[in-house]
Amino acid sequence: MTLQQRADAYAAAFPTRPPLQIVTEGKGKTAHDVIYGQFVCGNDYTNKTRYYGAYPHGYLERVMALFPDEVARVGSSCRHRILHAFSGSLPQGGYDRCDVSQDAEWDCSVVELPFLTADHQWQLILADPPYSKEDAKKYNAPMVDRGRATRALAEVCRIGGYLVWLDCCWPMHRKSQWRTVGRIGLTRSTNHRTRMVTIFERVSA
Protein backbone atom coordinates (compact mmCIF):
# COMPACT_ATOMS: atom_id res chain seq x y z
CA MET A 1 0.00 0.00 0.00
CA THR A 2 1.11 3.57 -0.67
CA LEU A 3 1.09 6.18 2.07
CA GLN A 4 -1.87 7.85 0.37
CA GLN A 5 -3.78 4.57 0.46
CA ARG A 6 -2.98 4.25 4.16
CA ALA A 7 -4.23 7.79 4.80
CA ASP A 8 -7.38 6.97 2.83
CA ALA A 9 -7.90 3.81 4.90
CA TYR A 10 -7.67 5.91 8.07
CA ALA A 11 -10.21 8.41 6.69
CA ALA A 12 -12.60 5.56 5.91
CA ALA A 13 -12.27 4.17 9.43
CA PHE A 14 -12.61 7.58 11.13
CA PRO A 15 -14.74 9.72 8.80
CA THR A 16 -15.55 12.31 11.49
CA ARG A 17 -11.90 12.93 12.40
CA PRO A 18 -9.58 15.38 10.63
CA PRO A 19 -7.95 13.57 7.69
CA LEU A 20 -4.26 12.84 7.48
CA GLN A 21 -2.27 14.71 4.86
CA ILE A 22 0.58 13.62 2.59
CA VAL A 23 3.48 16.07 2.50
CA THR A 24 6.69 15.76 0.47
CA GLU A 25 9.87 16.22 2.49
CA GLY A 26 13.38 16.65 1.12
CA LYS A 27 14.54 17.60 -2.35
CA GLY A 28 15.83 15.73 -5.37
CA LYS A 29 16.83 12.15 -4.67
CA THR A 30 15.97 12.51 -0.99
CA ALA A 31 12.39 13.66 -1.63
CA HIS A 32 9.77 11.32 -0.18
CA ASP A 33 6.19 11.42 1.07
CA VAL A 34 5.36 11.73 4.76
CA ILE A 35 2.01 11.38 6.54
CA TYR A 36 1.17 14.43 8.67
CA GLY A 37 -1.74 14.76 11.06
CA GLN A 38 -3.08 14.88 14.59
CA PHE A 39 -4.73 12.33 16.87
CA VAL A 40 -6.93 13.84 19.60
CA CYS A 41 -7.75 10.83 21.74
CA GLY A 42 -9.32 12.55 24.73
CA ASN A 43 -9.46 10.98 28.19
CA ASP A 44 -11.34 7.83 29.13
CA TYR A 45 -11.71 6.95 32.79
CA THR A 46 -13.20 3.57 31.84
CA ASN A 47 -9.93 2.41 30.28
CA LYS A 48 -9.59 -1.37 30.67
CA THR A 49 -6.22 -1.09 32.38
CA ARG A 50 -4.79 1.16 35.07
CA TYR A 51 -1.28 0.19 34.09
CA TYR A 52 0.95 3.25 34.14
CA GLY A 53 1.89 4.29 30.63
CA ALA A 54 -0.62 2.06 28.85
CA TYR A 55 -1.60 2.99 25.31
CA PRO A 56 -3.97 5.99 25.26
CA HIS A 57 -7.61 5.05 24.77
CA GLY A 58 -8.31 4.54 21.07
CA TYR A 59 -4.66 4.86 20.03
CA LEU A 60 -4.23 1.32 18.73
CA GLU A 61 -7.44 1.49 16.71
CA ARG A 62 -6.19 4.62 14.95
CA VAL A 63 -2.75 3.25 14.24
CA MET A 64 -4.06 -0.07 12.96
CA ALA A 65 -6.49 1.77 10.68
CA LEU A 66 -3.35 2.83 8.78
CA PHE A 67 -2.36 -0.81 8.32
CA PRO A 68 -5.49 -2.65 7.15
CA ASP A 69 -3.28 -5.06 5.20
CA GLU A 70 -1.72 -6.29 8.45
CA VAL A 71 -5.05 -6.36 10.30
CA ALA A 72 -6.44 -8.61 7.55
CA ARG A 73 -3.61 -11.09 8.12
CA VAL A 74 -4.13 -11.41 11.89
CA GLY A 75 -5.47 -14.86 12.65
CA SER A 76 -4.50 -16.17 9.22
CA SER A 77 -1.61 -18.43 8.32
CA CYS A 78 0.64 -15.32 8.24
CA ARG A 79 1.35 -15.28 11.99
CA HIS A 80 3.89 -13.30 13.95
CA ARG A 81 3.99 -10.31 11.59
CA ILE A 82 3.26 -7.69 14.28
CA LEU A 83 5.40 -6.95 17.34
CA HIS A 84 4.53 -4.70 20.27
CA ALA A 85 7.79 -3.54 21.85
CA PHE A 86 7.56 -2.27 25.46
CA SER A 87 4.18 -4.03 25.52
CA GLY A 88 3.43 -3.37 29.21
CA SER A 89 -0.06 -4.59 30.09
CA LEU A 90 -1.09 -5.46 26.53
CA PRO A 91 -2.87 -8.84 26.63
CA GLN A 92 -1.99 -11.78 24.43
CA GLY A 93 -3.43 -11.55 20.92
CA GLY A 94 -2.72 -11.92 17.23
CA TYR A 95 0.72 -10.37 17.62
CA ASP A 96 3.98 -10.85 19.52
CA ARG A 97 5.00 -8.85 22.59
CA CYS A 98 8.36 -7.82 24.03
CA ASP A 99 8.77 -6.37 27.52
CA VAL A 100 11.10 -6.72 30.50
CA SER A 101 8.27 -6.49 33.06
CA GLN A 102 5.62 -8.66 31.40
CA ASP A 103 5.28 -12.40 30.83
CA ALA A 104 5.41 -11.81 27.07
CA GLU A 105 6.43 -13.95 24.12
CA TRP A 106 9.77 -12.15 24.38
CA ASP A 107 10.36 -11.20 28.02
CA CYS A 108 13.55 -9.31 27.33
CA SER A 109 14.89 -5.91 26.38
CA VAL A 110 14.36 -4.90 22.76
CA VAL A 111 18.13 -4.57 22.32
CA GLU A 112 18.37 -8.33 22.98
CA LEU A 113 15.87 -9.26 20.26
CA PRO A 114 18.40 -9.59 17.40
CA PHE A 115 20.29 -12.18 19.45
CA LEU A 116 17.21 -14.16 20.54
CA THR A 117 14.91 -14.27 17.53
CA ALA A 118 17.17 -16.23 15.17
CA ASP A 119 16.20 -15.13 11.65
CA HIS A 120 12.65 -14.02 12.48
CA GLN A 121 11.58 -10.54 11.35
CA TRP A 122 8.34 -8.60 11.75
CA GLN A 123 6.47 -6.53 9.18
CA LEU A 124 5.02 -4.01 11.67
CA ILE A 125 6.52 -2.99 15.02
CA LEU A 126 4.76 -0.71 17.50
CA ALA A 127 6.90 0.81 20.25
CA ASP A 128 5.78 2.81 23.29
CA PRO A 129 8.90 3.18 25.48
CA PRO A 130 9.29 5.04 28.78
CA TYR A 131 9.61 8.72 27.94
CA SER A 132 11.94 9.71 30.79
CA LYS A 133 14.10 8.33 33.61
CA GLU A 134 11.26 9.06 36.02
CA ASP A 135 8.88 6.98 33.89
CA ALA A 136 11.40 4.13 33.70
CA LYS A 137 11.67 4.04 37.50
CA LYS A 138 7.96 3.22 37.70
CA TYR A 139 8.68 0.04 35.72
CA ASN A 140 11.79 -0.74 37.80
CA ALA A 141 13.79 -0.70 34.58
CA PRO A 142 16.62 1.40 33.15
CA MET A 143 15.81 4.24 30.79
CA VAL A 144 15.70 3.18 27.15
CA ASP A 145 18.58 4.17 24.90
CA ARG A 146 16.52 5.27 21.92
CA GLY A 147 19.37 4.99 19.43
CA ARG A 148 20.24 1.43 20.49
CA ALA A 149 16.56 0.47 20.49
CA THR A 150 15.85 1.72 16.96
CA ARG A 151 19.01 0.00 15.69
CA ALA A 152 18.00 -3.28 17.31
CA LEU A 153 14.45 -3.06 15.98
CA ALA A 154 15.82 -2.40 12.50
CA GLU A 155 17.54 -5.78 12.65
CA VAL A 156 14.24 -7.57 13.32
CA CYS A 157 12.07 -5.59 10.89
CA ARG A 158 11.62 -6.68 7.29
CA ILE A 159 12.78 -4.39 4.50
CA GLY A 160 9.72 -2.35 3.58
CA GLY A 161 8.22 -2.92 7.03
CA TYR A 162 7.26 -0.22 9.52
CA LEU A 163 8.09 0.95 13.03
CA VAL A 164 5.47 3.10 14.77
CA TRP A 165 7.20 4.85 17.68
CA LEU A 166 5.13 6.72 20.30
CA ASP A 167 7.21 9.14 22.36
CA CYS A 168 7.65 12.74 23.47
CA CYS A 169 10.43 13.22 20.93
CA TRP A 170 11.61 12.13 17.50
CA PRO A 171 13.94 9.25 18.43
CA MET A 172 17.52 8.91 17.28
CA HIS A 173 17.87 6.51 14.34
CA ARG A 174 20.11 5.67 11.43
CA LYS A 175 18.93 7.00 8.08
CA SER A 176 20.55 3.98 6.46
CA GLN A 177 17.99 1.85 8.32
CA TRP A 178 14.90 4.01 8.77
CA ARG A 179 13.09 6.59 6.62
CA THR A 180 10.63 8.82 8.48
CA VAL A 181 7.27 8.50 6.69
CA GLY A 182 4.86 9.69 9.38
CA ARG A 183 4.67 12.59 11.85
CA ILE A 184 1.41 12.58 13.80
CA GLY A 185 0.87 14.60 16.95
CA LEU A 186 -1.10 12.96 19.76
CA THR A 187 -3.09 14.93 22.30
CA ARG A 188 -4.98 13.15 25.05
CA SER A 189 -6.60 15.77 27.29
CA THR A 190 -5.66 18.69 29.53
CA ASN A 191 -2.59 18.26 31.74
CA HIS A 192 -1.34 15.28 29.73
CA ARG A 193 1.88 15.27 27.78
CA THR A 194 1.65 15.90 24.06
CA ARG A 195 3.26 13.03 22.19
CA MET A 196 4.47 12.30 18.69
CA VAL A 197 3.65 9.23 16.64
CA THR A 198 6.64 8.74 14.35
CA ILE A 199 6.27 6.19 11.57
CA PHE A 200 9.47 4.79 10.12
CA GLU A 201 9.85 2.61 7.03
CA ARG A 202 12.68 0.07 7.02
CA VAL A 203 14.98 0.73 4.10
CA SER A 204 17.87 -1.27 2.70
CA ALA A 205 21.37 0.07 3.30
C-alpha atoms as a PDB file:
ATOM      1  CA  MET A   1       0.000   0.000   0.000  1.00  0.00           C
ATOM      2  CA  THR A   2       1.112   3.565  -0.673  1.00  0.00           C
ATOM      3  CA  LEU A   3       1.092   6.177   2.075  1.00  0.00           C
ATOM      4  CA  GLN A   4      -1.874   7.852   0.373  1.00  0.00           C
ATOM      5  CA  GLN A   5      -3.777   4.567   0.463  1.00  0.00           C
ATOM      6  CA  ARG A   6      -2.985   4.251   4.158  1.00  0.00           C
ATOM      7  CA  ALA A   7      -4.228   7.792   4.804  1.00  0.00           C
ATOM      8  CA  ASP A   8      -7.384   6.972   2.832  1.00  0.00           C
ATOM      9  CA  ALA A   9      -7.904   3.812   4.902  1.00  0.00           C
ATOM     10  CA  TYR A  10      -7.671   5.908   8.068  1.00  0.00           C
ATOM     11  CA  ALA A  11     -10.207   8.405   6.687  1.00  0.00           C
ATOM     12  CA  ALA A  12     -12.603   5.561   5.907  1.00  0.00           C
ATOM     13  CA  ALA A  13     -12.266   4.166   9.433  1.00  0.00           C
ATOM     14  CA  PHE A  14     -12.614   7.581  11.130  1.00  0.00           C
ATOM     15  CA  PRO A  15     -14.736   9.719   8.800  1.00  0.00           C
ATOM     16  CA  THR A  16     -15.551  12.308  11.487  1.00  0.00           C
ATOM     17  CA  ARG A  17     -11.902  12.927  12.403  1.00  0.00           C
ATOM     18  CA  PRO A  18      -9.577  15.375  10.633  1.00  0.00           C
ATOM     19  CA  PRO A  19      -7.953  13.571   7.694  1.00  0.00           C
ATOM     20  CA  LEU A  20      -4.261  12.843   7.480  1.00  0.00           C
ATOM     21  CA  GLN A  21      -2.266  14.710   4.858  1.00  0.00           C
ATOM     22  CA  ILE A  22       0.576  13.619   2.587  1.00  0.00           C
ATOM     23  CA  VAL A  23       3.483  16.068   2.496  1.00  0.00           C
ATOM     24  CA  THR A  24       6.688  15.763   0.465  1.00  0.00           C
ATOM     25  CA  GLU A  25       9.869  16.216   2.487  1.00  0.00           C
ATOM     26  CA  GLY A  26      13.380  16.652   1.115  1.00  0.00           C
ATOM     27  CA  LYS A  27      14.543  17.597  -2.352  1.00  0.00           C
ATOM     28  CA  GLY A  28      15.828  15.734  -5.368  1.00  0.00           C
ATOM     29  CA  LYS A  29      16.832  12.152  -4.669  1.00  0.00           C
ATOM     30  CA  THR A  30      15.969  12.507  -0.987  1.00  0.00           C
ATOM     31  CA  ALA A  31      12.390  13.658  -1.630  1.00  0.00           C
ATOM     32  CA  HIS A  32       9.773  11.324  -0.183  1.00  0.00           C
ATOM     33  CA  ASP A  33       6.193  11.419   1.067  1.00  0.00           C
ATOM     34  CA  VAL A  34       5.356  11.726   4.760  1.00  0.00           C
ATOM     35  CA  ILE A  35       2.008  11.382   6.542  1.00  0.00           C
ATOM     36  CA  TYR A  36       1.168  14.429   8.668  1.00  0.00           C
ATOM     37  CA  GLY A  37      -1.741  14.757  11.063  1.00  0.00           C
ATOM     38  CA  GLN A  38      -3.084  14.882  14.587  1.00  0.00           C
ATOM     39  CA  PHE A  39      -4.727  12.327  16.867  1.00  0.00           C
ATOM     40  CA  VAL A  40      -6.933  13.842  19.596  1.00  0.00           C
ATOM     41  CA  CYS A  41      -7.752  10.828  21.743  1.00  0.00           C
ATOM     42  CA  GLY A  42      -9.323  12.550  24.729  1.00  0.00           C
ATOM     43  CA  ASN A  43      -9.456  10.980  28.186  1.00  0.00           C
ATOM     44  CA  ASP A  44     -11.342   7.832  29.130  1.00  0.00           C
ATOM     45  CA  TYR A  45     -11.713   6.952  32.791  1.00  0.00           C
ATOM     46  CA  THR A  46     -13.205   3.565  31.844  1.00  0.00           C
ATOM     47  CA  ASN A  47      -9.929   2.411  30.284  1.00  0.00           C
ATOM     48  CA  LYS A  48      -9.590  -1.366  30.666  1.00  0.00           C
ATOM     49  CA  THR A  49      -6.216  -1.090  32.381  1.00  0.00           C
ATOM     50  CA  ARG A  50      -4.794   1.158  35.072  1.00  0.00           C
ATOM     51  CA  TYR A  51      -1.279   0.192  34.085  1.00  0.00           C
ATOM     52  CA  TYR A  52       0.946   3.254  34.142  1.00  0.00           C
ATOM     53  CA  GLY A  53       1.890   4.290  30.633  1.00  0.00           C
ATOM     54  CA  ALA A  54      -0.622   2.063  28.847  1.00  0.00           C
ATOM     55  CA  TYR A  55      -1.596   2.987  25.305  1.00  0.00           C
ATOM     56  CA  PRO A  56      -3.972   5.992  25.265  1.00  0.00           C
ATOM     57  CA  HIS A  57      -7.609   5.050  24.774  1.00  0.00           C
ATOM     58  CA  GLY A  58      -8.310   4.544  21.067  1.00  0.00           C
ATOM     59  CA  TYR A  59      -4.664   4.861  20.030  1.00  0.00           C
ATOM     60  CA  LEU A  60      -4.231   1.323  18.731  1.00  0.00           C
ATOM     61  CA  GLU A  61      -7.438   1.494  16.709  1.00  0.00           C
ATOM     62  CA  ARG A  62      -6.190   4.622  14.955  1.00  0.00           C
ATOM     63  CA  VAL A  63      -2.754   3.247  14.239  1.00  0.00           C
ATOM     64  CA  MET A  64      -4.055  -0.068  12.961  1.00  0.00           C
ATOM     65  CA  ALA A  65      -6.488   1.772  10.675  1.00  0.00           C
ATOM     66  CA  LEU A  66      -3.354   2.832   8.781  1.00  0.00           C
ATOM     67  CA  PHE A  67      -2.361  -0.810   8.320  1.00  0.00           C
ATOM     68  CA  PRO A  68      -5.488  -2.655   7.150  1.00  0.00           C
ATOM     69  CA  ASP A  69      -3.280  -5.056   5.203  1.00  0.00           C
ATOM     70  CA  GLU A  70      -1.723  -6.288   8.455  1.00  0.00           C
ATOM     71  CA  VAL A  71      -5.048  -6.362  10.302  1.00  0.00           C
ATOM     72  CA  ALA A  72      -6.445  -8.614   7.554  1.00  0.00           C
ATOM     73  CA  ARG A  73      -3.611 -11.087   8.116  1.00  0.00           C
ATOM     74  CA  VAL A  74      -4.126 -11.409  11.890  1.00  0.00           C
ATOM     75  CA  GLY A  75      -5.469 -14.856  12.650  1.00  0.00           C
ATOM     76  CA  SER A  76      -4.500 -16.169   9.225  1.00  0.00           C
ATOM     77  CA  SER A  77      -1.611 -18.426   8.317  1.00  0.00           C
ATOM     78  CA  CYS A  78       0.639 -15.324   8.239  1.00  0.00           C
ATOM     79  CA  ARG A  79       1.353 -15.283  11.985  1.00  0.00           C
ATOM     80  CA  HIS A  80       3.886 -13.304  13.949  1.00  0.00           C
ATOM     81  CA  ARG A  81       3.985 -10.313  11.593  1.00  0.00           C
ATOM     82  CA  ILE A  82       3.262  -7.686  14.281  1.00  0.00           C
ATOM     83  CA  LEU A  83       5.404  -6.952  17.343  1.00  0.00           C
ATOM     84  CA  HIS A  84       4.532  -4.698  20.267  1.00  0.00           C
ATOM     85  CA  ALA A  85       7.787  -3.536  21.846  1.00  0.00           C
ATOM     86  CA  PHE A  86       7.560  -2.265  25.458  1.00  0.00           C
ATOM     87  CA  SER A  87       4.183  -4.031  25.520  1.00  0.00           C
ATOM     88  CA  GLY A  88       3.432  -3.371  29.208  1.00  0.00           C
ATOM     89  CA  SER A  89      -0.056  -4.590  30.093  1.00  0.00           C
ATOM     90  CA  LEU A  90      -1.091  -5.459  26.530  1.00  0.00           C
ATOM     91  CA  PRO A  91      -2.870  -8.844  26.626  1.00  0.00           C
ATOM     92  CA  GLN A  92      -1.994 -11.783  24.431  1.00  0.00           C
ATOM     93  CA  GLY A  93      -3.430 -11.550  20.915  1.00  0.00           C
ATOM     94  CA  GLY A  94      -2.718 -11.921  17.229  1.00  0.00           C
ATOM     95  CA  TYR A  95       0.720 -10.375  17.623  1.00  0.00           C
ATOM     96  CA  ASP A  96       3.977 -10.848  19.516  1.00  0.00           C
ATOM     97  CA  ARG A  97       4.998  -8.851  22.590  1.00  0.00           C
ATOM     98  CA  CYS A  98       8.357  -7.817  24.027  1.00  0.00           C
ATOM     99  CA  ASP A  99       8.765  -6.374  27.520  1.00  0.00           C
ATOM    100  CA  VAL A 100      11.105  -6.719  30.504  1.00  0.00           C
ATOM    101  CA  SER A 101       8.271  -6.494  33.059  1.00  0.00           C
ATOM    102  CA  GLN A 102       5.619  -8.658  31.398  1.00  0.00           C
ATOM    103  CA  ASP A 103       5.279 -12.398  30.826  1.00  0.00           C
ATOM    104  CA  ALA A 104       5.405 -11.810  27.074  1.00  0.00           C
ATOM    105  CA  GLU A 105       6.431 -13.948  24.124  1.00  0.00           C
ATOM    106  CA  TRP A 106       9.773 -12.151  24.378  1.00  0.00           C
ATOM    107  CA  ASP A 107      10.359 -11.202  28.019  1.00  0.00           C
ATOM    108  CA  CYS A 108      13.547  -9.310  27.330  1.00  0.00           C
ATOM    109  CA  SER A 109      14.889  -5.910  26.380  1.00  0.00           C
ATOM    110  CA  VAL A 110      14.358  -4.899  22.756  1.00  0.00           C
ATOM    111  CA  VAL A 111      18.126  -4.574  22.325  1.00  0.00           C
ATOM    112  CA  GLU A 112      18.372  -8.330  22.976  1.00  0.00           C
ATOM    113  CA  LEU A 113      15.874  -9.255  20.258  1.00  0.00           C
ATOM    114  CA  PRO A 114      18.402  -9.587  17.395  1.00  0.00           C
ATOM    115  CA  PHE A 115      20.291 -12.179  19.452  1.00  0.00           C
ATOM    116  CA  LEU A 116      17.212 -14.158  20.537  1.00  0.00           C
ATOM    117  CA  THR A 117      14.908 -14.266  17.531  1.00  0.00           C
ATOM    118  CA  ALA A 118      17.166 -16.225  15.172  1.00  0.00           C
ATOM    119  CA  ASP A 119      16.204 -15.132  11.652  1.00  0.00           C
ATOM    120  CA  HIS A 120      12.654 -14.015  12.479  1.00  0.00           C
ATOM    121  CA  GLN A 121      11.581 -10.540  11.355  1.00  0.00           C
ATOM    122  CA  TRP A 122       8.344  -8.595  11.753  1.00  0.00           C
ATOM    123  CA  GLN A 123       6.473  -6.525   9.178  1.00  0.00           C
ATOM    124  CA  LEU A 124       5.024  -4.013  11.667  1.00  0.00           C
ATOM    125  CA  ILE A 125       6.517  -2.991  15.018  1.00  0.00           C
ATOM    126  CA  LEU A 126       4.760  -0.711  17.503  1.00  0.00           C
ATOM    127  CA  ALA A 127       6.900   0.808  20.247  1.00  0.00           C
ATOM    128  CA  ASP A 128       5.784   2.809  23.290  1.00  0.00           C
ATOM    129  CA  PRO A 129       8.903   3.178  25.481  1.00  0.00           C
ATOM    130  CA  PRO A 130       9.287   5.045  28.776  1.00  0.00           C
ATOM    131  CA  TYR A 131       9.614   8.718  27.937  1.00  0.00           C
ATOM    132  CA  SER A 132      11.943   9.709  30.786  1.00  0.00           C
ATOM    133  CA  LYS A 133      14.097   8.333  33.613  1.00  0.00           C
ATOM    134  CA  GLU A 134      11.255   9.061  36.018  1.00  0.00           C
ATOM    135  CA  ASP A 135       8.882   6.977  33.889  1.00  0.00           C
ATOM    136  CA  ALA A 136      11.397   4.131  33.703  1.00  0.00           C
ATOM    137  CA  LYS A 137      11.668   4.036  37.501  1.00  0.00           C
ATOM    138  CA  LYS A 138       7.961   3.217  37.697  1.00  0.00           C
ATOM    139  CA  TYR A 139       8.684   0.037  35.724  1.00  0.00           C
ATOM    140  CA  ASN A 140      11.785  -0.737  37.802  1.00  0.00           C
ATOM    141  CA  ALA A 141      13.786  -0.704  34.582  1.00  0.00           C
ATOM    142  CA  PRO A 142      16.621   1.400  33.153  1.00  0.00           C
ATOM    143  CA  MET A 143      15.813   4.243  30.787  1.00  0.00           C
ATOM    144  CA  VAL A 144      15.702   3.181  27.151  1.00  0.00           C
ATOM    145  CA  ASP A 145      18.584   4.173  24.905  1.00  0.00           C
ATOM    146  CA  ARG A 146      16.517   5.272  21.916  1.00  0.00           C
ATOM    147  CA  GLY A 147      19.366   4.988  19.428  1.00  0.00           C
ATOM    148  CA  ARG A 148      20.236   1.431  20.488  1.00  0.00           C
ATOM    149  CA  ALA A 149      16.560   0.473  20.488  1.00  0.00           C
ATOM    150  CA  THR A 150      15.854   1.715  16.958  1.00  0.00           C
ATOM    151  CA  ARG A 151      19.011   0.001  15.692  1.00  0.00           C
ATOM    152  CA  ALA A 152      18.001  -3.283  17.313  1.00  0.00           C
ATOM    153  CA  LEU A 153      14.448  -3.062  15.983  1.00  0.00           C
ATOM    154  CA  ALA A 154      15.819  -2.397  12.502  1.00  0.00           C
ATOM    155  CA  GLU A 155      17.538  -5.778  12.652  1.00  0.00           C
ATOM    156  CA  VAL A 156      14.244  -7.571  13.321  1.00  0.00           C
ATOM    157  CA  CYS A 157      12.071  -5.585  10.889  1.00  0.00           C
ATOM    158  CA  ARG A 158      11.621  -6.683   7.285  1.00  0.00           C
ATOM    159  CA  ILE A 159      12.781  -4.395   4.502  1.00  0.00           C
ATOM    160  CA  GLY A 160       9.718  -2.348   3.580  1.00  0.00           C
ATOM    161  CA  GLY A 161       8.225  -2.924   7.031  1.00  0.00           C
ATOM    162  CA  TYR A 162       7.261  -0.220   9.518  1.00  0.00           C
ATOM    163  CA  LEU A 163       8.093   0.952  13.028  1.00  0.00           C
ATOM    164  CA  VAL A 164       5.466   3.104  14.768  1.00  0.00           C
ATOM    165  CA  TRP A 165       7.199   4.846  17.677  1.00  0.00           C
ATOM    166  CA  LEU A 166       5.132   6.721  20.302  1.00  0.00           C
ATOM    167  CA  ASP A 167       7.211   9.144  22.361  1.00  0.00           C
ATOM    168  CA  CYS A 168       7.646  12.743  23.467  1.00  0.00           C
ATOM    169  CA  CYS A 169      10.428  13.222  20.927  1.00  0.00           C
ATOM    170  CA  TRP A 170      11.607  12.127  17.499  1.00  0.00           C
ATOM    171  CA  PRO A 171      13.942   9.246  18.430  1.00  0.00           C
ATOM    172  CA  MET A 172      17.524   8.905  17.278  1.00  0.00           C
ATOM    173  CA  HIS A 173      17.869   6.513  14.339  1.00  0.00           C
ATOM    174  CA  ARG A 174      20.114   5.670  11.430  1.00  0.00           C
ATOM    175  CA  LYS A 175      18.928   7.002   8.081  1.00  0.00           C
ATOM    176  CA  SER A 176      20.548   3.982   6.464  1.00  0.00           C
ATOM    177  CA  GLN A 177      17.988   1.847   8.322  1.00  0.00           C
ATOM    178  CA  TRP A 178      14.901   4.012   8.766  1.00  0.00           C
ATOM    179  CA  ARG A 179      13.093   6.585   6.622  1.00  0.00           C
ATOM    180  CA  THR A 180      10.631   8.816   8.480  1.00  0.00           C
ATOM    181  CA  VAL A 181       7.273   8.499   6.693  1.00  0.00           C
ATOM    182  CA  GLY A 182       4.861   9.692   9.384  1.00  0.00           C
ATOM    183  CA  ARG A 183       4.669  12.587  11.853  1.00  0.00           C
ATOM    184  CA  ILE A 184       1.408  12.582  13.798  1.00  0.00           C
ATOM    185  CA  GLY A 185       0.871  14.602  16.954  1.00  0.00           C
ATOM    186  CA  LEU A 186      -1.098  12.961  19.760  1.00  0.00           C
ATOM    187  CA  THR A 187      -3.087  14.934  22.300  1.00  0.00           C
ATOM    188  CA  ARG A 188      -4.980  13.148  25.046  1.00  0.00           C
ATOM    189  CA  SER A 189      -6.595  15.775  27.288  1.00  0.00           C
ATOM    190  CA  THR A 190      -5.665  18.693  29.527  1.00  0.00           C
ATOM    191  CA  ASN A 191      -2.592  18.264  31.738  1.00  0.00           C
ATOM    192  CA  HIS A 192      -1.337  15.281  29.731  1.00  0.00           C
ATOM    193  CA  ARG A 193       1.882  15.270  27.778  1.00  0.00           C
ATOM    194  CA  THR A 194       1.650  15.898  24.063  1.00  0.00           C
ATOM    195  CA  ARG A 195       3.263  13.032  22.187  1.00  0.00           C
ATOM    196  CA  MET A 196       4.470  12.295  18.689  1.00  0.00           C
ATOM    197  CA  VAL A 197       3.654   9.231  16.643  1.00  0.00           C
ATOM    198  CA  THR A 198       6.641   8.739  14.350  1.00  0.00           C
ATOM    199  CA  ILE A 199       6.269   6.193  11.566  1.00  0.00           C
ATOM    200  CA  PHE A 200       9.472   4.786  10.116  1.00  0.00           C
ATOM    201  CA  GLU A 201       9.855   2.611   7.032  1.00  0.00           C
ATOM    202  CA  ARG A 202      12.684   0.075   7.025  1.00  0.00           C
ATOM    203  CA  VAL A 203      14.981   0.731   4.102  1.00  0.00           C
ATOM    204  CA  SER A 204      17.872  -1.274   2.704  1.00  0.00           C
ATOM    205  CA  ALA A 205      21.371   0.068   3.300  1.00  0.00           C
END
